[in-house]
Amino acid sequence: MKIVARSEVFIKARILKGYSQRDLAKQSGLSHAFISLLERSLKPVGPGTAKKLSDLLDKDLEELFSIEQ
């Protein structure tokens, strides 16, 4: 089981908050490369990271991420 970003929703939420990928990386303590991979659904995230990102983007966890088997 893995948690992956809903790419279009995640990118839209980031842009609406006024964050570039680098800005979001800095705010979240993650790398720019990780954010890039996350947005392309190439990198799964842990529950804590998903929660941190959803809080920063002011969106529900379920809106930004999906759980895959």
PDB file of N, CA and C in Angstrom:
ATOM      1  N   MET A   1       0.850  -1.177   0.000  1.00  0.00           N
ATOM      2  CA  MET A   1       0.000   0.000   0.000  1.00  0.00           C
ATOM      3  C   MET A   1       0.896   1.241   0.000  1.00  0.00           C
ATOM      4  N   LYS A   2       0.557   2.208  -0.870  1.00  0.00           N
ATOM      5  CA  LYS A   2       1.339   3.441  -0.896  1.00  0.00           C
ATOM      6  C   LYS A   2       0.433   4.649  -1.107  1.00  0.00           C
ATOM      7  N   ILE A   3       0.895   5.779  -0.622  1.00  0.00           N
ATOM      8  CA  ILE A   3       0.154   7.035  -0.734  1.00  0.00           C
ATOM      9  C   ILE A   3       0.808   7.859  -1.836  1.00  0.00           C
ATOM     10  N   VAL A   4       0.024   8.202  -2.853  1.00  0.00           N
ATOM     11  CA  VAL A   4       0.550   8.997  -3.974  1.00  0.00           C
ATOM     12  C   VAL A   4      -0.316  10.236  -4.169  1.00  0.00           C
ATOM     13  N   ALA A   5       0.309  11.261  -4.721  1.00  0.00           N
ATOM     14  CA  ALA A   5      -0.394  12.519  -4.956  1.00  0.00           C
ATOM     15  C   ALA A   5      -1.352  12.389  -6.131  1.00  0.00           C
ATOM     16  N   ARG A   6      -2.480  13.065  -6.017  1.00  0.00           N
ATOM     17  CA  ARG A   6      -3.377  13.238  -7.164  1.00  0.00           C
ATOM     18  C   ARG A   6      -2.788  14.435  -7.917  1.00  0.00           C
ATOM     19  N   SER A   7      -2.007  14.137  -8.935  1.00  0.00           N
ATOM     20  CA  SER A   7      -1.143  15.132  -9.576  1.00  0.00           C
ATOM     21  C   SER A   7      -1.818  16.451  -9.907  1.00  0.00           C
ATOM     22  N   GLU A   8      -2.894  16.408 -10.673  1.00  0.00           N
ATOM     23  CA  GLU A   8      -3.528  17.655 -11.112  1.00  0.00           C
ATOM     24  C   GLU A   8      -4.039  18.472  -9.933  1.00  0.00           C
ATOM     25  N   VAL A   9      -4.646  17.813  -8.969  1.00  0.00           N
ATOM     26  CA  VAL A   9      -5.196  18.497  -7.800  1.00  0.00           C
ATOM     27  C   VAL A   9      -4.057  19.089  -6.959  1.00  0.00           C
ATOM     28  N   PHE A  10      -3.001  18.306  -6.785  1.00  0.00           N
ATOM     29  CA  PHE A  10      -1.861  18.750  -5.975  1.00  0.00           C
ATOM     30  C   PHE A  10      -1.195  19.979  -6.596  1.00  0.00           C
ATOM     31  N   ILE A  11      -0.930  19.922  -7.889  1.00  0.00           N
ATOM     32  CA  ILE A  11      -0.273  21.041  -8.580  1.00  0.00           C
ATOM     33  C   ILE A  11      -1.154  22.287  -8.523  1.00  0.00           C
ATOM     34  N   LYS A  12      -2.438  22.124  -8.769  1.00  0.00           N
ATOM     35  CA  LYS A  12      -3.357  23.257  -8.719  1.00  0.00           C
ATOM     36  C   LYS A  12      -3.377  23.883  -7.327  1.00  0.00           C
ATOM     37  N   ALA A  13      -3.423  23.058  -6.289  1.00  0.00           N
ATOM     38  CA  ALA A  13      -3.429  23.565  -4.910  1.00  0.00           C
ATOM     39  C   ALA A  13      -2.147  24.325  -4.605  1.00  0.00           C
ATOM     40  N   ARG A  14      -1.013  23.806  -5.072  1.00  0.00           N
ATOM     41  CA  ARG A  14       0.270  24.474  -4.853  1.00  0.00           C
ATOM     42  C   ARG A  14       0.296  25.836  -5.534  1.00  0.00           C
ATOM     43  N   ILE A  15      -0.152  25.885  -6.762  1.00  0.00           N
ATOM     44  CA  ILE A  15      -0.137  27.139  -7.524  1.00  0.00           C
ATOM     45  C   ILE A  15      -1.093  28.157  -6.905  1.00  0.00           C
ATOM     46  N   LEU A  16      -2.275  27.705  -6.502  1.00  0.00           N
ATOM     47  CA  LEU A  16      -3.250  28.614  -5.887  1.00  0.00           C
ATOM     48  C   LEU A  16      -2.744  29.199  -4.573  1.00  0.00           C
ATOM     49  N   LYS A  17      -1.892  28.467  -3.860  1.00  0.00           N
ATOM     50  CA  LYS A  17      -1.292  28.978  -2.624  1.00  0.00           C
ATOM     51  C   LYS A  17      -0.108  29.900  -2.915  1.00  0.00           C
ATOM     52  N   GLY A  18       0.288  29.976  -4.199  1.00  0.00           N
ATOM     53  CA  GLY A  18       1.380  30.865  -4.585  1.00  0.00           C
ATOM     54  C   GLY A  18       2.764  30.269  -4.395  1.00  0.00           C
ATOM     55  N   TYR A  19       2.841  28.949  -4.241  1.00  0.00           N
ATOM     56  CA  TYR A  19       4.122  28.271  -4.046  1.00  0.00           C
ATOM     57  C   TYR A  19       4.678  27.753  -5.368  1.00  0.00           C
ATOM     58  N   SER A  20       5.968  27.952  -5.570  1.00  0.00           N
ATOM     59  CA  SER A  20       6.671  27.207  -6.615  1.00  0.00           C
ATOM     60  C   SER A  20       7.041  25.859  -5.994  1.00  0.00           C
ATOM     61  N   GLN A  21       7.557  24.949  -6.779  1.00  0.00           N
ATOM     62  CA  GLN A  21       7.997  23.672  -6.212  1.00  0.00           C
ATOM     63  C   GLN A  21       9.081  23.924  -5.170  1.00  0.00           C
ATOM     64  N   ARG A  22       9.987  24.843  -5.465  1.00  0.00           N
ATOM     65  CA  ARG A  22      11.075  25.153  -4.521  1.00  0.00           C
ATOM     66  C   ARG A  22      10.534  25.770  -3.231  1.00  0.00           C
ATOM     67  N   ASP A  23       9.542  26.654  -3.350  1.00  0.00           N
ATOM     68  CA  ASP A  23       8.936  27.259  -2.156  1.00  0.00           C
ATOM     69  C   ASP A  23       8.306  26.192  -1.266  1.00  0.00           C
ATOM     70  N   LEU A  24       7.543  25.290  -1.888  1.00  0.00           N
ATOM     71  CA  LEU A  24       6.882  24.235  -1.124  1.00  0.00           C
ATOM     72  C   LEU A  24       7.922  23.315  -0.482  1.00  0.00           C
ATOM     73  N   ALA A  25       8.972  23.025  -1.211  1.00  0.00           N
ATOM     74  CA  ALA A  25      10.045  22.187  -0.667  1.00  0.00           C
ATOM     75  C   ALA A  25      10.648  22.849   0.575  1.00  0.00           C
ATOM     76  N   LYS A  26      10.932  24.136   0.483  1.00  0.00           N
ATOM     77  CA  LYS A  26      11.524  24.855   1.605  1.00  0.00           C
ATOM     78  C   LYS A  26      10.580  24.886   2.804  1.00  0.00           C
ATOM     79  N   GLN A  27       9.302  25.161   2.565  1.00  0.00           N
ATOM     80  CA  GLN A  27       8.311  25.236   3.642  1.00  0.00           C
ATOM     81  C   GLN A  27       8.095  23.885   4.326  1.00  0.00           C
ATOM     82  N   SER A  28       8.203  22.803   3.551  1.00  0.00           N
ATOM     83  CA  SER A  28       7.913  21.473   4.079  1.00  0.00           C
ATOM     84  C   SER A  28       9.146  20.741   4.596  1.00  0.00           C
ATOM     85  N   GLY A  29      10.324  21.260   4.278  1.00  0.00           N
ATOM     86  CA  GLY A  29      11.547  20.575   4.678  1.00  0.00           C
ATOM     87  C   GLY A  29      11.910  19.413   3.772  1.00  0.00           C
ATOM     88  N   LEU A  30      11.284  19.360   2.613  1.00  0.00           N
ATOM     89  CA  LEU A  30      11.571  18.315   1.630  1.00  0.00           C
ATOM     90  C   LEU A  30      12.446  18.896   0.520  1.00  0.00           C
ATOM     91  N   SER A  31      12.994  18.035  -0.307  1.00  0.00           N
ATOM     92  CA  SER A  31      13.814  18.522  -1.415  1.00  0.00           C
ATOM     93  C   SER A  31      12.933  18.907  -2.605  1.00  0.00           C
ATOM     94  N   HIS A  32      13.463  19.799  -3.436  1.00  0.00           N
ATOM     95  CA  HIS A  32      12.773  20.189  -4.670  1.00  0.00           C
ATOM     96  C   HIS A  32      12.563  18.957  -5.551  1.00  0.00           C
ATOM     97  N   ALA A  33      13.570  18.097  -5.622  1.00  0.00           N
ATOM     98  CA  ALA A  33      13.468  16.891  -6.447  1.00  0.00           C
ATOM     99  C   ALA A  33      12.336  15.987  -5.963  1.00  0.00           C
ATOM    100  N   PHE A  34      12.186  15.875  -4.647  1.00  0.00           N
ATOM    101  CA  PHE A  34      11.114  15.042  -4.086  1.00  0.00           C
ATOM    102  C   PHE A  34       9.747  15.603  -4.476  1.00  0.00           C
ATOM    103  N   ILE A  35       9.574  16.920  -4.360  1.00  0.00           N
ATOM    104  CA  ILE A  35       8.295  17.549  -4.736  1.00  0.00           C
ATOM    105  C   ILE A  35       7.995  17.293  -6.208  1.00  0.00           C
ATOM    106  N   SER A  36       9.018  17.409  -7.047  1.00  0.00           N
ATOM    107  CA  SER A  36       8.845  17.163  -8.480  1.00  0.00           C
ATOM    108  C   SER A  36       8.389  15.725  -8.743  1.00  0.00           C
ATOM    109  N   LEU A  37       9.036  14.762  -8.110  1.00  0.00           N
ATOM    110  CA  LEU A  37       8.652  13.356  -8.278  1.00  0.00           C
ATOM    111  C   LEU A  37       7.255  13.092  -7.716  1.00  0.00           C
ATOM    112  N   LEU A  38       6.971  13.707  -6.592  1.00  0.00           N
ATOM    113  CA  LEU A  38       5.657  13.566  -5.960  1.00  0.00           C
ATOM    114  C   LEU A  38       4.554  14.057  -6.893  1.00  0.00           C
ATOM    115  N   GLU A  39       4.767  15.213  -7.498  1.00  0.00           N
ATOM    116  CA  GLU A  39       3.749  15.791  -8.390  1.00  0.00           C
ATOM    117  C   GLU A  39       3.511  14.951  -9.635  1.00  0.00           C
ATOM    118  N   ARG A  40       4.483  14.155 -10.008  1.00  0.00           N
ATOM    119  CA  ARG A  40       4.311  13.281 -11.172  1.00  0.00           C
ATOM    120  C   ARG A  40       3.879  11.875 -10.757  1.00  0.00           C
ATOM    121  N   SER A  41       3.526  11.724  -9.474  1.00  0.00           N
ATOM    122  CA  SER A  41       3.091  10.433  -8.911  1.00  0.00           C
ATOM    123  C   SER A  41       4.137   9.344  -9.095  1.00  0.00           C
ATOM    124  N   LEU A  42       5.417   9.742  -9.118  1.00  0.00           N
ATOM    125  CA  LEU A  42       6.492   8.772  -9.248  1.00  0.00           C
ATOM    126  C   LEU A  42       7.080   8.385  -7.899  1.00  0.00           C
ATOM    127  N   LYS A  43       6.724   9.154  -6.867  1.00  0.00           N
ATOM    128  CA  LYS A  43       7.268   8.924  -5.532  1.00  0.00           C
ATOM    129  C   LYS A  43       6.120   8.901  -4.525  1.00  0.00           C
ATOM    130  N   PRO A  44       5.986   7.811  -3.779  1.00  0.00           N
ATOM    131  CA  PRO A  44       4.971   7.783  -2.726  1.00  0.00           C
ATOM    132  C   PRO A  44       5.442   8.571  -1.505  1.00  0.00           C
ATOM    133  N   VAL A  45       4.518   8.910  -0.629  1.00  0.00           N
ATOM    134  CA  VAL A  45       4.851   9.627   0.600  1.00  0.00           C
ATOM    135  C   VAL A  45       4.323   8.845   1.793  1.00  0.00           C
ATOM    136  N   GLY A  46       4.898   9.131   2.940  1.00  0.00           N
ATOM    137  CA  GLY A  46       4.397   8.548   4.180  1.00  0.00           C
ATOM    138  C   GLY A  46       3.227   9.370   4.684  1.00  0.00           C
ATOM    139  N   PRO A  47       2.487   8.828   5.637  1.00  0.00           N
ATOM    140  CA  PRO A  47       1.322   9.535   6.170  1.00  0.00           C
ATOM    141  C   PRO A  47       1.668  10.892   6.797  1.00  0.00           C
ATOM    142  N   GLY A  48       2.779  10.964   7.504  1.00  0.00           N
ATOM    143  CA  GLY A  48       3.174  12.225   8.139  1.00  0.00           C
ATOM    144  C   GLY A  48       3.490  13.306   7.132  1.00  0.00           C
ATOM    145  N   THR A  49       4.198  12.934   6.068  1.00  0.00           N
ATOM    146  CA  THR A  49       4.544  13.883   5.013  1.00  0.00           C
ATOM    147  C   THR A  49       3.293  14.328   4.267  1.00  0.00           C
ATOM    148  N   ALA A  50       2.399  13.398   3.993  1.00  0.00           N
ATOM    149  CA  ALA A  50       1.143  13.733   3.312  1.00  0.00           C
ATOM    150  C   ALA A  50       0.343  14.731   4.145  1.00  0.00           C
ATOM    151  N   LYS A  51       0.286  14.507   5.455  1.00  0.00           N
ATOM    152  CA  LYS A  51      -0.444  15.405   6.357  1.00  0.00           C
ATOM    153  C   LYS A  51       0.197  16.794   6.373  1.00  0.00           C
ATOM    154  N   LYS A  52       1.526  16.842   6.456  1.00  0.00           N
ATOM    155  CA  LYS A  52       2.247  18.121   6.470  1.00  0.00           C
ATOM    156  C   LYS A  52       1.966  18.916   5.199  1.00  0.00           C
ATOM    157  N   LEU A  53       2.019  18.234   4.047  1.00  0.00           N
ATOM    158  CA  LEU A  53       1.778  18.913   2.772  1.00  0.00           C
ATOM    159  C   LEU A  53       0.329  19.371   2.646  1.00  0.00           C
ATOM    160  N   SER A  54      -0.602  18.545   3.078  1.00  0.00           N
ATOM    161  CA  SER A  54      -2.009  18.951   2.992  1.00  0.00           C
ATOM    162  C   SER A  54      -2.282  20.142   3.909  1.00  0.00           C
ATOM    163  N   ASP A  55      -1.634  20.190   5.068  1.00  0.00           N
ATOM    164  CA  ASP A  55      -1.780  21.347   5.956  1.00  0.00           C
ATOM    165  C   ASP A  55      -1.208  22.611   5.315  1.00  0.00           C
ATOM    166  N   LEU A  56      -0.026  22.502   4.709  1.00  0.00           N
ATOM    167  CA  LEU A  56       0.593  23.660   4.063  1.00  0.00           C
ATOM    168  C   LEU A  56      -0.254  24.192   2.905  1.00  0.00           C
ATOM    169  N   LEU A  57      -0.930  23.279   2.216  1.00  0.00           N
ATOM    170  CA  LEU A  57      -1.731  23.673   1.053  1.00  0.00           C
ATOM    171  C   LEU A  57      -3.199  23.933   1.414  1.00  0.00           C
ATOM    172  N   ASP A  58      -3.537  23.810   2.691  1.00  0.00           N
ATOM    173  CA  ASP A  58      -4.907  24.045   3.171  1.00  0.00           C
ATOM    174  C   ASP A  58      -5.949  23.205   2.437  1.00  0.00           C
ATOM    175  N   LYS A  59      -5.626  21.941   2.236  1.00  0.00           N
ATOM    176  CA  LYS A  59      -6.534  21.003   1.566  1.00  0.00           C
ATOM    177  C   LYS A  59      -6.662  19.745   2.416  1.00  0.00           C
ATOM    178  N   ASP A  60      -7.778  19.037   2.254  1.00  0.00           N
ATOM    179  CA  ASP A  60      -7.950  17.763   2.940  1.00  0.00           C
ATOM    180  C   ASP A  60      -6.977  16.740   2.375  1.00  0.00           C
ATOM    181  N   LEU A  61      -6.490  15.889   3.243  1.00  0.00           N
ATOM    182  CA  LEU A  61      -5.560  14.833   2.853  1.00  0.00           C
ATOM    183  C   LEU A  61      -6.123  13.997   1.706  1.00  0.00           C
ATOM    184  N   GLU A  62      -7.409  13.641   1.826  1.00  0.00           N
ATOM    185  CA  GLU A  62      -8.053  12.790   0.822  1.00  0.00           C
ATOM    186  C   GLU A  62      -8.213  13.479  -0.530  1.00  0.00           C
ATOM    187  N   GLU A  63      -8.204  14.808  -0.508  1.00  0.00           N
ATOM    188  CA  GLU A  63      -8.332  15.565  -1.750  1.00  0.00           C
ATOM    189  C   GLU A  63      -7.023  15.549  -2.536  1.00  0.00           C
ATOM    190  N   LEU A  64      -5.889  15.582  -1.829  1.00  0.00           N
ATOM    191  CA  LEU A  64      -4.578  15.679  -2.481  1.00  0.00           C
ATOM    192  C   LEU A  64      -3.915  14.338  -2.756  1.00  0.00           C
ATOM    193  N   PHE A  65      -4.287  13.315  -1.980  1.00  0.00           N
ATOM    194  CA  PHE A  65      -3.597  12.025  -2.084  1.00  0.00           C
ATOM    195  C   PHE A  65      -4.573  10.865  -2.219  1.00  0.00           C
ATOM    196  N   SER A  66      -4.097   9.805  -2.838  1.00  0.00           N
ATOM    197  CA  SER A  66      -4.883   8.578  -2.916  1.00  0.00           C
ATOM    198  C   SER A  66      -4.014   7.416  -2.425  1.00  0.00           C
ATOM    199  N   ILE A  67      -4.678   6.369  -1.975  1.00  0.00           N
ATOM    200  CA  ILE A  67      -3.973   5.180  -1.500  1.00  0.00           C
ATOM    201  C   ILE A  67      -4.091   4.097  -2.576  1.00  0.00           C
ATOM    202  N   GLU A  68      -2.932   3.583  -2.986  1.00  0.00           N
ATOM    203  CA  GLU A  68      -2.903   2.528  -3.997  1.00  0.00           C
ATOM    204  C   GLU A  68      -2.438   1.233  -3.343  1.00  0.00           C
ATOM    205  N   GLN A  69      -2.917   0.145  -3.882  1.00  0.00           N
ATOM    206  CA  GLN A  69      -2.524  -1.182  -3.359  1.00  0.00           C
ATOM    207  C   GLN A  69      -1.234  -1.626  -3.936  1.00  0.00           C
TER     208      GLN A  69
END
